Amino acid sequence: MRAGRLDTHGAFQSPTEGQDARGGRTITGWTTHVSAWVGVRPLAARERLAAGQLQPTVDYELDARYVSTVTTKMRFLADDGRAFALRGIQPFAHEGRMLLQAEAMS
């Protein structure tokens, strides 16, 4: 892995959960799990139907150094404010890296 490709700094974060007024679970905040440099590459843009409205989504691939404790329940928050929901993880532990499939969060 070449360090030049890892040009976006930020943090992998875990959700902090609480209860809403109806007793259901909801995300109330995010806790930093580990800081990291990643490479961010857009893959595709599309629209999806949510709550009766079309909403644009953008898929990304994140290239990062391997961290065994990163899960798809986490997000990556870049220092520039962009947030990415992790949807899939392809570990390449023998190479010391991982590829993550992610979706832009609004």
PDB file of N, CA and C in Angstrom:
ATOM      1  N   MET A   1       0.841  -1.166   0.000  1.00  0.00           N
ATOM      2  CA  MET A   1       0.000   0.000   0.000  1.00  0.00           C
ATOM      3  C   MET A   1       0.890   1.233   0.000  1.00  0.00           C
ATOM      4  N   ARG A   2       0.593   2.156  -0.865  1.00  0.00           N
ATOM      5  CA  ARG A   2       1.362   3.394  -0.931  1.00  0.00           C
ATOM      6  C   ARG A   2       0.682   4.459  -0.073  1.00  0.00           C
ATOM      7  N   ALA A   3       1.434   5.112   0.788  1.00  0.00           N
ATOM      8  CA  ALA A   3       0.873   6.114   1.696  1.00  0.00           C
ATOM      9  C   ALA A   3       0.273   7.296   0.949  1.00  0.00           C
ATOM     10  N   GLY A   4       0.737   7.593  -0.261  1.00  0.00           N
ATOM     11  CA  GLY A   4       0.209   8.708  -1.023  1.00  0.00           C
ATOM     12  C   GLY A   4      -1.266   8.568  -1.356  1.00  0.00           C
ATOM     13  N   ARG A   5      -1.760   7.355  -1.414  1.00  0.00           N
ATOM     14  CA  ARG A   5      -3.173   7.123  -1.717  1.00  0.00           C
ATOM     15  C   ARG A   5      -4.064   7.409  -0.519  1.00  0.00           C
ATOM     16  N   LEU A   6      -3.501   7.410   0.671  1.00  0.00           N
ATOM     17  CA  LEU A   6      -4.282   7.647   1.880  1.00  0.00           C
ATOM     18  C   LEU A   6      -4.230   9.136   2.202  1.00  0.00           C
ATOM     19  N   ASP A   7      -5.098   9.911   1.528  1.00  0.00           N
ATOM     20  CA  ASP A   7      -4.997  11.360   1.594  1.00  0.00           C
ATOM     21  C   ASP A   7      -6.115  12.049   2.367  1.00  0.00           C
ATOM     22  N   THR A   8      -6.983  11.278   3.007  1.00  0.00           N
ATOM     23  CA  THR A   8      -8.090  11.855   3.766  1.00  0.00           C
ATOM     24  C   THR A   8      -7.989  11.402   5.218  1.00  0.00           C
ATOM     25  N   HIS A   9      -7.846  12.353   6.134  1.00  0.00           N
ATOM     26  CA  HIS A   9      -7.740  12.017   7.557  1.00  0.00           C
ATOM     27  C   HIS A   9      -9.106  12.136   8.222  1.00  0.00           C
ATOM     28  N   GLY A  10      -9.337  11.270   9.186  1.00  0.00           N
ATOM     29  CA  GLY A  10     -10.583  11.313   9.933  1.00  0.00           C
ATOM     30  C   GLY A  10     -10.594  10.238  10.994  1.00  0.00           C
ATOM     31  N   ALA A  11     -11.803   9.790  11.360  1.00  0.00           N
ATOM     32  CA  ALA A  11     -11.928   8.809  12.435  1.00  0.00           C
ATOM     33  C   ALA A  11     -13.043   7.816  12.138  1.00  0.00           C
ATOM     34  N   PHE A  12     -12.771   6.561  12.467  1.00  0.00           N
ATOM     35  CA  PHE A  12     -13.832   5.567  12.493  1.00  0.00           C
ATOM     36  C   PHE A  12     -14.561   5.761  13.811  1.00  0.00           C
ATOM     37  N   GLN A  13     -15.887   5.853  13.749  1.00  0.00           N
ATOM     38  CA  GLN A  13     -16.673   6.138  14.942  1.00  0.00           C
ATOM     39  C   GLN A  13     -17.756   5.093  15.156  1.00  0.00           C
ATOM     40  N   SER A  14     -18.015   4.795  16.437  1.00  0.00           N
ATOM     41  CA  SER A  14     -19.068   3.858  16.832  1.00  0.00           C
ATOM     42  C   SER A  14     -20.292   4.649  17.273  1.00  0.00           C
ATOM     43  N   PRO A  15     -21.497   4.141  16.983  1.00  0.00           N
ATOM     44  CA  PRO A  15     -22.695   4.849  17.422  1.00  0.00           C
ATOM     45  C   PRO A  15     -22.894   4.726  18.931  1.00  0.00           C
ATOM     46  N   THR A  16     -23.397   5.799  19.521  1.00  0.00           N
ATOM     47  CA  THR A  16     -23.834   5.791  20.911  1.00  0.00           C
ATOM     48  C   THR A  16     -25.351   5.720  20.858  1.00  0.00           C
ATOM     49  N   GLU A  17     -25.920   4.701  21.477  1.00  0.00           N
ATOM     50  CA  GLU A  17     -27.364   4.502  21.381  1.00  0.00           C
ATOM     51  C   GLU A  17     -28.069   4.912  22.665  1.00  0.00           C
ATOM     52  N   GLY A  18     -29.283   5.400  22.489  1.00  0.00           N
ATOM     53  CA  GLY A  18     -30.159   5.758  23.597  1.00  0.00           C
ATOM     54  C   GLY A  18     -31.567   5.329  23.250  1.00  0.00           C
ATOM     55  N   GLN A  19     -32.528   5.741  24.061  1.00  0.00           N
ATOM     56  CA  GLN A  19     -33.925   5.401  23.796  1.00  0.00           C
ATOM     57  C   GLN A  19     -34.689   6.646  23.403  1.00  0.00           C
ATOM     58  N   ASP A  20     -35.597   6.471  22.426  1.00  0.00           N
ATOM     59  CA  ASP A  20     -36.448   7.585  22.047  1.00  0.00           C
ATOM     60  C   ASP A  20     -37.658   7.619  22.979  1.00  0.00           C
ATOM     61  N   ALA A  21     -38.576   8.550  22.741  1.00  0.00           N
ATOM     62  CA  ALA A  21     -39.741   8.732  23.610  1.00  0.00           C
ATOM     63  C   ALA A  21     -40.630   7.500  23.669  1.00  0.00           C
ATOM     64  N   ARG A  22     -40.587   6.661  22.649  1.00  0.00           N
ATOM     65  CA  ARG A  22     -41.424   5.458  22.610  1.00  0.00           C
ATOM     66  C   ARG A  22     -40.700   4.232  23.148  1.00  0.00           C
ATOM     67  N   GLY A  23     -39.484   4.410  23.627  1.00  0.00           N
ATOM     68  CA  GLY A  23     -38.725   3.286  24.166  1.00  0.00           C
ATOM     69  C   GLY A  23     -37.888   2.547  23.142  1.00  0.00           C
ATOM     70  N   GLY A  24     -37.903   3.016  21.898  1.00  0.00           N
ATOM     71  CA  GLY A  24     -37.095   2.395  20.849  1.00  0.00           C
ATOM     72  C   GLY A  24     -35.655   2.870  20.918  1.00  0.00           C
ATOM     73  N   ARG A  25     -34.775   2.126  20.274  1.00  0.00           N
ATOM     74  CA  ARG A  25     -33.357   2.498  20.262  1.00  0.00           C
ATOM     75  C   ARG A  25     -33.086   3.493  19.144  1.00  0.00           C
ATOM     76  N   THR A  26     -32.263   4.469  19.438  1.00  0.00           N
ATOM     77  CA  THR A  26     -31.898   5.477  18.458  1.00  0.00           C
ATOM     78  C   THR A  26     -30.437   5.887  18.671  1.00  0.00           C
ATOM     79  N   ILE A  27     -29.799   6.353  17.619  1.00  0.00           N
ATOM     80  CA  ILE A  27     -28.417   6.823  17.737  1.00  0.00           C
ATOM     81  C   ILE A  27     -28.444   8.244  18.282  1.00  0.00           C
ATOM     82  N   THR A  28     -27.787   8.439  19.421  1.00  0.00           N
ATOM     83  CA  THR A  28     -27.767   9.753  20.060  1.00  0.00           C
ATOM     84  C   THR A  28     -26.451  10.491  19.847  1.00  0.00           C
ATOM     85  N   GLY A  29     -25.449   9.796  19.350  1.00  0.00           N
ATOM     86  CA  GLY A  29     -24.154  10.421  19.112  1.00  0.00           C
ATOM     87  C   GLY A  29     -23.164   9.408  18.570  1.00  0.00           C
ATOM     88  N   TRP A  30     -21.923   9.856  18.417  1.00  0.00           N
ATOM     89  CA  TRP A  30     -20.860   9.006  17.875  1.00  0.00           C
ATOM     90  C   TRP A  30     -19.620   9.140  18.738  1.00  0.00           C
ATOM     91  N   THR A  31     -18.927   8.024  18.957  1.00  0.00           N
ATOM     92  CA  THR A  31     -17.702   7.978  19.751  1.00  0.00           C
ATOM     93  C   THR A  31     -16.543   7.550  18.856  1.00  0.00           C
ATOM     94  N   THR A  32     -15.447   8.294  18.908  1.00  0.00           N
ATOM     95  CA  THR A  32     -14.288   7.959  18.083  1.00  0.00           C
ATOM     96  C   THR A  32     -13.680   6.639  18.529  1.00  0.00           C
ATOM     97  N   HIS A  33     -13.533   5.734  17.587  1.00  0.00           N
ATOM     98  CA  HIS A  33     -12.951   4.411  17.827  1.00  0.00           C
ATOM     99  C   HIS A  33     -11.454   4.440  17.532  1.00  0.00           C
ATOM    100  N   VAL A  34     -11.085   4.977  16.369  1.00  0.00           N
ATOM    101  CA  VAL A  34      -9.676   5.077  15.984  1.00  0.00           C
ATOM    102  C   VAL A  34      -9.543   6.124  14.870  1.00  0.00           C
ATOM    103  N   SER A  35      -8.487   6.923  14.936  1.00  0.00           N
ATOM    104  CA  SER A  35      -8.184   7.879  13.870  1.00  0.00           C
ATOM    105  C   SER A  35      -7.436   7.157  12.759  1.00  0.00           C
ATOM    106  N   ALA A  36      -7.610   7.633  11.531  1.00  0.00           N
ATOM    107  CA  ALA A  36      -6.974   6.942  10.408  1.00  0.00           C
ATOM    108  C   ALA A  36      -6.861   7.862   9.198  1.00  0.00           C
ATOM    109  N   TRP A  37      -5.917   7.508   8.335  1.00  0.00           N
ATOM    110  CA  TRP A  37      -5.806   8.091   7.003  1.00  0.00           C
ATOM    111  C   TRP A  37      -6.409   7.082   6.037  1.00  0.00           C
ATOM    112  N   VAL A  38      -7.290   7.536   5.147  1.00  0.00           N
ATOM    113  CA  VAL A  38      -7.907   6.644   4.167  1.00  0.00           C
ATOM    114  C   VAL A  38      -7.850   7.280   2.782  1.00  0.00           C
ATOM    115  N   GLY A  39      -7.989   6.445   1.774  1.00  0.00           N
ATOM    116  CA  GLY A  39      -8.183   6.904   0.411  1.00  0.00           C
ATOM    117  C   GLY A  39      -9.671   6.804   0.109  1.00  0.00           C
ATOM    118  N   VAL A  40     -10.261   7.858  -0.424  1.00  0.00           N
ATOM    119  CA  VAL A  40     -11.696   7.890  -0.718  1.00  0.00           C
ATOM    120  C   VAL A  40     -11.879   7.936  -2.225  1.00  0.00           C
ATOM    121  N   ARG A  41     -12.669   6.985  -2.750  1.00  0.00           N
ATOM    122  CA  ARG A  41     -12.899   6.936  -4.194  1.00  0.00           C
ATOM    123  C   ARG A  41     -14.392   6.775  -4.461  1.00  0.00           C
ATOM    124  N   PRO A  42     -15.017   7.716  -5.187  1.00  0.00           N
ATOM    125  CA  PRO A  42     -16.431   7.556  -5.538  1.00  0.00           C
ATOM    126  C   PRO A  42     -16.608   6.410  -6.529  1.00  0.00           C
ATOM    127  N   LEU A  43     -17.671   5.630  -6.337  1.00  0.00           N
ATOM    128  CA  LEU A  43     -17.943   4.497  -7.224  1.00  0.00           C
ATOM    129  C   LEU A  43     -19.167   4.729  -8.095  1.00  0.00           C
ATOM    130  N   ALA A  44     -20.277   5.149  -7.481  1.00  0.00           N
ATOM    131  CA  ALA A  44     -21.529   5.280  -8.232  1.00  0.00           C
ATOM    132  C   ALA A  44     -22.454   6.268  -7.539  1.00  0.00           C
ATOM    133  N   ALA A  45     -23.307   6.892  -8.337  1.00  0.00           N
ATOM    134  CA  ALA A  45     -24.356   7.759  -7.805  1.00  0.00           C
ATOM    135  C   ALA A  45     -25.687   7.207  -8.291  1.00  0.00           C
ATOM    136  N   ARG A  46     -26.677   7.238  -7.417  1.00  0.00           N
ATOM    137  CA  ARG A  46     -27.998   6.729  -7.795  1.00  0.00           C
ATOM    138  C   ARG A  46     -29.050   7.410  -6.935  1.00  0.00           C
ATOM    139  N   GLU A  47     -30.298   7.087  -7.201  1.00  0.00           N
ATOM    140  CA  GLU A  47     -31.390   7.599  -6.388  1.00  0.00           C
ATOM    141  C   GLU A  47     -32.127   6.427  -5.774  1.00  0.00           C
ATOM    142  N   ARG A  48     -32.685   6.658  -4.590  1.00  0.00           N
ATOM    143  CA  ARG A  48     -33.495   5.624  -3.957  1.00  0.00           C
ATOM    144  C   ARG A  48     -34.751   6.275  -3.405  1.00  0.00           C
ATOM    145  N   LEU A  49     -35.776   5.471  -3.244  1.00  0.00           N
ATOM    146  CA  LEU A  49     -37.041   5.945  -2.718  1.00  0.00           C
ATOM    147  C   LEU A  49     -37.045   5.749  -1.214  1.00  0.00           C
ATOM    148  N   ALA A  50     -37.194   6.839  -0.474  1.00  0.00           N
ATOM    149  CA  ALA A  50     -37.247   6.777   0.991  1.00  0.00           C
ATOM    150  C   ALA A  50     -38.325   7.738   1.464  1.00  0.00           C
ATOM    151  N   ALA A  51     -39.239   7.233   2.258  1.00  0.00           N
ATOM    152  CA  ALA A  51     -40.343   8.037   2.787  1.00  0.00           C
ATOM    153  C   ALA A  51     -41.120   8.713   1.658  1.00  0.00           C
ATOM    154  N   GLY A  52     -41.304   7.991   0.556  1.00  0.00           N
ATOM    155  CA  GLY A  52     -42.087   8.500  -0.557  1.00  0.00           C
ATOM    156  C   GLY A  52     -41.384   9.536  -1.417  1.00  0.00           C
ATOM    157  N   GLN A  53     -40.092   9.765  -1.190  1.00  0.00           N
ATOM    158  CA  GLN A  53     -39.361  10.754  -1.968  1.00  0.00           C
ATOM    159  C   GLN A  53     -38.082  10.140  -2.521  1.00  0.00           C
ATOM    160  N   LEU A  54     -37.702  10.587  -3.722  1.00  0.00           N
ATOM    161  CA  LEU A  54     -36.426  10.157  -4.290  1.00  0.00           C
ATOM    162  C   LEU A  54     -35.295  10.904  -3.599  1.00  0.00           C
ATOM    163  N   GLN A  55     -34.303  10.157  -3.141  1.00  0.00           N
ATOM    164  CA  GLN A  55     -33.155  10.765  -2.484  1.00  0.00           C
ATOM    165  C   GLN A  55     -31.880  10.267  -3.162  1.00  0.00           C
ATOM    166  N   PRO A  56     -30.970  11.190  -3.483  1.00  0.00           N
ATOM    167  CA  PRO A  56     -29.717  10.761  -4.115  1.00  0.00           C
ATOM    168  C   PRO A  56     -28.798  10.077  -3.105  1.00  0.00           C
ATOM    169  N   THR A  57     -28.085   9.057  -3.545  1.00  0.00           N
ATOM    170  CA  THR A  57     -27.061   8.414  -2.716  1.00  0.00           C
ATOM    171  C   THR A  57     -25.801   8.259  -3.559  1.00  0.00           C
ATOM    172  N   VAL A  58     -24.681   8.298  -2.894  1.00  0.00           N
ATOM    173  CA  VAL A  58     -23.402   8.120  -3.570  1.00  0.00           C
ATOM    174  C   VAL A  58     -22.637   7.023  -2.848  1.00  0.00           C
ATOM    175  N   ASP A  59     -22.153   6.051  -3.611  1.00  0.00           N
ATOM    176  CA  ASP A  59     -21.367   4.956  -3.052  1.00  0.00           C
ATOM    177  C   ASP A  59     -19.881   5.260  -3.203  1.00  0.00           C
ATOM    178  N   TYR A  60     -19.120   4.851  -2.205  1.00  0.00           N
ATOM    179  CA  TYR A  60     -17.677   5.085  -2.180  1.00  0.00           C
ATOM    180  C   TYR A  60     -16.944   3.814  -1.798  1.00  0.00           C
ATOM    181  N   GLU A  61     -15.662   3.792  -2.137  1.00  0.00           N
ATOM    182  CA  GLU A  61     -14.760   2.765  -1.645  1.00  0.00           C
ATOM    183  C   GLU A  61     -13.691   3.485  -0.831  1.00  0.00           C
ATOM    184  N   LEU A  62     -13.481   3.016   0.393  1.00  0.00           N
ATOM    185  CA  LEU A  62     -12.456   3.575   1.263  1.00  0.00           C
ATOM    186  C   LEU A  62     -11.329   2.564   1.380  1.00  0.00           C
ATOM    187  N   ASP A  63     -10.120   3.014   1.198  1.00  0.00           N
ATOM    188  CA  ASP A  63      -8.927   2.176   1.315  1.00  0.00           C
ATOM    189  C   ASP A  63      -8.208   2.619   2.582  1.00  0.00           C
ATOM    190  N   ALA A  64      -7.976   1.700   3.519  1.00  0.00           N
ATOM    191  CA  ALA A  64      -7.381   2.071   4.802  1.00  0.00           C
ATOM    192  C   ALA A  64      -6.427   0.997   5.287  1.00  0.00           C
ATOM    193  N   ARG A  65      -5.601   1.364   6.234  1.00  0.00           N
ATOM    194  CA  ARG A  65      -4.773   0.365   6.904  1.00  0.00           C
ATOM    195  C   ARG A  65      -5.694  -0.544   7.708  1.00  0.00           C
ATOM    196  N   TYR A  66      -5.326  -1.796   7.803  1.00  0.00           N
ATOM    197  CA  TYR A  66      -6.165  -2.805   8.450  1.00  0.00           C
ATOM    198  C   TYR A  66      -6.327  -2.526   9.943  1.00  0.00           C
ATOM    199  N   VAL A  67      -7.586  -2.502  10.382  1.00  0.00           N
ATOM    200  CA  VAL A  67      -7.937  -2.396  11.800  1.00  0.00           C
ATOM    201  C   VAL A  67      -8.983  -3.473  12.050  1.00  0.00           C
ATOM    202  N   SER A  68      -8.641  -4.482  12.831  1.00  0.00           N
ATOM    203  CA  SER A  68      -9.518  -5.648  12.998  1.00  0.00           C
ATOM    204  C   SER A  68     -10.827  -5.329  13.710  1.00  0.00           C
ATOM    205  N   THR A  69     -10.902  -4.216  14.423  1.00  0.00           N
ATOM    206  CA  THR A  69     -12.090  -3.914  15.224  1.00  0.00           C
ATOM    207  C   THR A  69     -13.098  -3.002  14.524  1.00  0.00           C
ATOM    208  N   VAL A  70     -12.836  -2.591  13.302  1.00  0.00           N
ATOM    209  CA  VAL A  70     -13.793  -1.776  12.546  1.00  0.00           C
ATOM    210  C   VAL A  70     -14.921  -2.676  12.056  1.00  0.00           C
ATOM    211  N   THR A  71     -16.185  -2.228  12.234  1.00  0.00           N
ATOM    212  CA  THR A  71     -17.359  -3.009  11.833  1.00  0.00           C
ATOM    213  C   THR A  71     -18.285  -2.169  10.950  1.00  0.00           C
ATOM    214  N   THR A  72     -19.268  -2.828  10.358  1.00  0.00           N
ATOM    215  CA  THR A  72     -20.235  -2.132   9.504  1.00  0.00           C
ATOM    216  C   THR A  72     -21.274  -1.347  10.312  1.00  0.00           C
ATOM    217  N   LYS A  73     -21.204  -1.381  11.627  1.00  0.00           N
ATOM    218  CA  LYS A  73     -22.076  -0.528  12.446  1.00  0.00           C
ATOM    219  C   LYS A  73     -21.479   0.870  12.599  1.00  0.00           C
ATOM    220  N   MET A  74     -20.245   1.033  12.147  1.00  0.00           N
ATOM    221  CA  MET A  74     -19.526   2.295  12.319  1.00  0.00           C
ATOM    222  C   MET A  74     -19.681   3.208  11.108  1.00  0.00           C
ATOM    223  N   ARG A  75     -19.149   4.402  11.268  1.00  0.00           N
ATOM    224  CA  ARG A  75     -19.034   5.348  10.160  1.00  0.00           C
ATOM    225  C   ARG A  75     -17.607   5.872  10.137  1.00  0.00           C
ATOM    226  N   PHE A  76     -17.228   6.461   9.002  1.00  0.00           N
ATOM    227  CA  PHE A  76     -15.957   7.175   8.920  1.00  0.00           C
ATOM    228  C   PHE A  76     -16.299   8.644   8.774  1.00  0.00           C
ATOM    229  N   LEU A  77     -15.807   9.474   9.688  1.00  0.00           N
ATOM    230  CA  LEU A  77     -16.022  10.917   9.633  1.00  0.00           C
ATOM    231  C   LEU A  77     -14.706  11.578   9.260  1.00  0.00           C
ATOM    232  N   ALA A  78     -14.669  12.151   8.061  1.00  0.00           N
ATOM    233  CA  ALA A  78     -13.464  12.830   7.584  1.00  0.00           C
ATOM    234  C   ALA A  78     -13.332  14.183   8.275  1.00  0.00           C
ATOM    235  N   ASP A  79     -12.102  14.652   8.407  1.00  0.00           N
ATOM    236  CA  ASP A  79     -11.856  15.949   9.039  1.00  0.00           C
ATOM    237  C   ASP A  79     -12.547  17.095   8.301  1.00  0.00           C
ATOM    238  N   ASP A  80     -12.837  16.924   7.007  1.00  0.00           N
ATOM    239  CA  ASP A  80     -13.515  17.979   6.240  1.00  0.00           C
ATOM    240  C   ASP A  80     -15.034  17.951   6.426  1.00  0.00           C
ATOM    241  N   GLY A  81     -15.543  17.047   7.294  1.00  0.00           N
ATOM    242  CA  GLY A  81     -16.965  17.005   7.612  1.00  0.00           C
ATOM    243  C   GLY A  81     -17.768  15.956   6.865  1.00  0.00           C
ATOM    244  N   ARG A  82     -17.195  15.338   5.843  1.00  0.00           N
ATOM    245  CA  ARG A  82     -17.922  14.290   5.130  1.00  0.00           C
ATOM    246  C   ARG A  82     -18.031  13.051   6.014  1.00  0.00           C
ATOM    247  N   ALA A  83     -19.206  12.422   5.985  1.00  0.00           N
ATOM    248  CA  ALA A  83     -19.428  11.208   6.774  1.00  0.00           C
ATOM    249  C   ALA A  83     -19.835  10.077   5.839  1.00  0.00           C
ATOM    250  N   PHE A  84     -19.324   8.875   6.121  1.00  0.00           N
ATOM    251  CA  PHE A  84     -19.567   7.703   5.291  1.00  0.00           C
ATOM    252  C   PHE A  84     -20.055   6.553   6.167  1.00  0.00           C
ATOM    253  N   ALA A  85     -21.236   6.016   5.865  1.00  0.00           N
ATOM    254  CA  ALA A  85     -21.749   4.830   6.562  1.00  0.00           C
ATOM    255  C   ALA A  85     -21.070   3.607   5.966  1.00  0.00           C
ATOM    256  N   LEU A  86     -20.480   2.782   6.809  1.00  0.00           N
ATOM    257  CA  LEU A  86     -19.779   1.588   6.325  1.00  0.00           C
ATOM    258  C   LEU A  86     -20.788   0.497   6.009  1.00  0.00           C
ATOM    259  N   ARG A  87     -20.756  -0.027   4.787  1.00  0.00           N
ATOM    260  CA  ARG A  87     -21.708  -1.047   4.334  1.00  0.00           C
ATOM    261  C   ARG A  87     -21.066  -2.412   4.146  1.00  0.00           C
ATOM    262  N   GLY A  88     -19.766  -2.455   3.942  1.00  0.00           N
ATOM    263  CA  GLY A  88     -19.067  -3.726   3.745  1.00  0.00           C
ATOM    264  C   GLY A  88     -17.583  -3.552   3.996  1.00  0.00           C
ATOM    265  N   ILE A  89     -16.946  -4.629   4.447  1.00  0.00           N
ATOM    266  CA  ILE A  89     -15.512  -4.590   4.745  1.00  0.00           C
ATOM    267  C   ILE A  89     -14.840  -5.791   4.099  1.00  0.00           C
ATOM    268  N   GLN A  90     -13.811  -5.536   3.319  1.00  0.00           N
ATOM    269  CA  GLN A  90     -12.985  -6.598   2.745  1.00  0.00           C
ATOM    270  C   GLN A  90     -11.606  -6.497   3.384  1.00  0.00           C
ATOM    271  N   PRO A  91     -11.320  -7.361   4.366  1.00  0.00           N
ATOM    272  CA  PRO A  91     -10.012  -7.291   5.017  1.00  0.00           C
ATOM    273  C   PRO A  91      -8.931  -7.986   4.189  1.00  0.00           C
ATOM    274  N   PHE A  92      -7.807  -7.351   4.105  1.00  0.00           N
ATOM    275  CA  PHE A  92      -6.606  -7.930   3.506  1.00  0.00           C
ATOM    276  C   PHE A  92      -5.513  -7.851   4.567  1.00  0.00           C
ATOM    277  N   ALA A  93      -5.724  -8.599   5.667  1.00  0.00           N
ATOM    278  CA  ALA A  93      -4.838  -8.517   6.831  1.00  0.00           C
ATOM    279  C   ALA A  93      -3.397  -8.839   6.465  1.00  0.00           C
ATOM    280  N   HIS A  94      -3.202  -9.789   5.562  1.00  0.00           N
ATOM    281  CA  HIS A  94      -1.840 -10.163   5.168  1.00  0.00           C
ATOM    282  C   HIS A  94      -1.119  -9.027   4.443  1.00  0.00           C
ATOM    283  N   GLU A  95      -1.890  -8.091   3.868  1.00  0.00           N
ATOM    284  CA  GLU A  95      -1.309  -6.918   3.207  1.00  0.00           C
ATOM    285  C   GLU A  95      -1.334  -5.696   4.116  1.00  0.00           C
ATOM    286  N   GLY A  96      -1.974  -5.833   5.281  1.00  0.00           N
ATOM    287  CA  GLY A  96      -2.059  -4.711   6.215  1.00  0.00           C
ATOM    288  C   GLY A  96      -3.042  -3.640   5.810  1.00  0.00           C
ATOM    289  N   ARG A  97      -4.060  -4.016   5.016  1.00  0.00           N
ATOM    290  CA  ARG A  97      -5.034  -3.012   4.582  1.00  0.00           C
ATOM    291  C   ARG A  97      -6.432  -3.605   4.505  1.00  0.00           C
ATOM    292  N   MET A  98      -7.412  -2.734   4.312  1.00  0.00           N
ATOM    293  CA  MET A  98      -8.795  -3.169   4.132  1.00  0.00           C
ATOM    294  C   MET A  98      -9.475  -2.217   3.160  1.00  0.00           C
ATOM    295  N   LEU A  99     -10.430  -2.760   2.399  1.00  0.00           N
ATOM    296  CA  LEU A  99     -11.277  -1.966   1.519  1.00  0.00           C
ATOM    297  C   LEU A  99     -12.661  -1.945   2.140  1.00  0.00           C
ATOM    298  N   LEU A 100     -13.249  -0.766   2.201  1.00  0.00           N
ATOM    299  CA  LEU A 100     -14.564  -0.621   2.807  1.00  0.00           C
ATOM    300  C   LEU A 100     -15.533  -0.053   1.784  1.00  0.00           C
ATOM    301  N   GLN A 101     -16.707  -0.660   1.675  1.00  0.00           N
ATOM    302  CA  GLN A 101     -17.760  -0.109   0.849  1.00  0.00           C
ATOM    303  C   GLN A 101     -18.565   0.812   1.761  1.00  0.00           C
ATOM    304  N   ALA A 102     -18.833   2.018   1.273  1.00  0.00           N
ATOM    305  CA  ALA A 102     -19.478   3.017   2.114  1.00  0.00           C
ATOM    306  C   ALA A 102     -20.481   3.829   1.313  1.00  0.00           C
ATOM    307  N   GLU A 103     -21.389   4.456   2.049  1.00  0.00           N
ATOM    308  CA  GLU A 103     -22.403   5.320   1.457  1.00  0.00           C
ATOM    309  C   GLU A 103     -22.307   6.676   2.137  1.00  0.00           C
ATOM    310  N   ALA A 104     -22.392   7.736   1.352  1.00  0.00           N
ATOM    311  CA  ALA A 104     -22.344   9.081   1.920  1.00  0.00           C
ATOM    312  C   ALA A 104     -23.540   9.288   2.840  1.00  0.00           C
ATOM    313  N   MET A 105     -23.288   9.871   3.997  1.00  0.00           N
ATOM    314  CA  MET A 105     -24.351  10.192   4.950  1.00  0.00           C
ATOM    315  C   MET A 105     -24.644  11.683   4.834  1.00  0.00           C
ATOM    316  N   SER A 106     -25.923  12.024   4.949  1.00  0.00           N
ATOM    317  CA  SER A 106     -26.260  13.454   4.878  1.00  0.00           C
ATOM    318  C   SER A 106     -26.423  14.049   6.249  1.00  0.00           C
TER     319      SER A 106
END
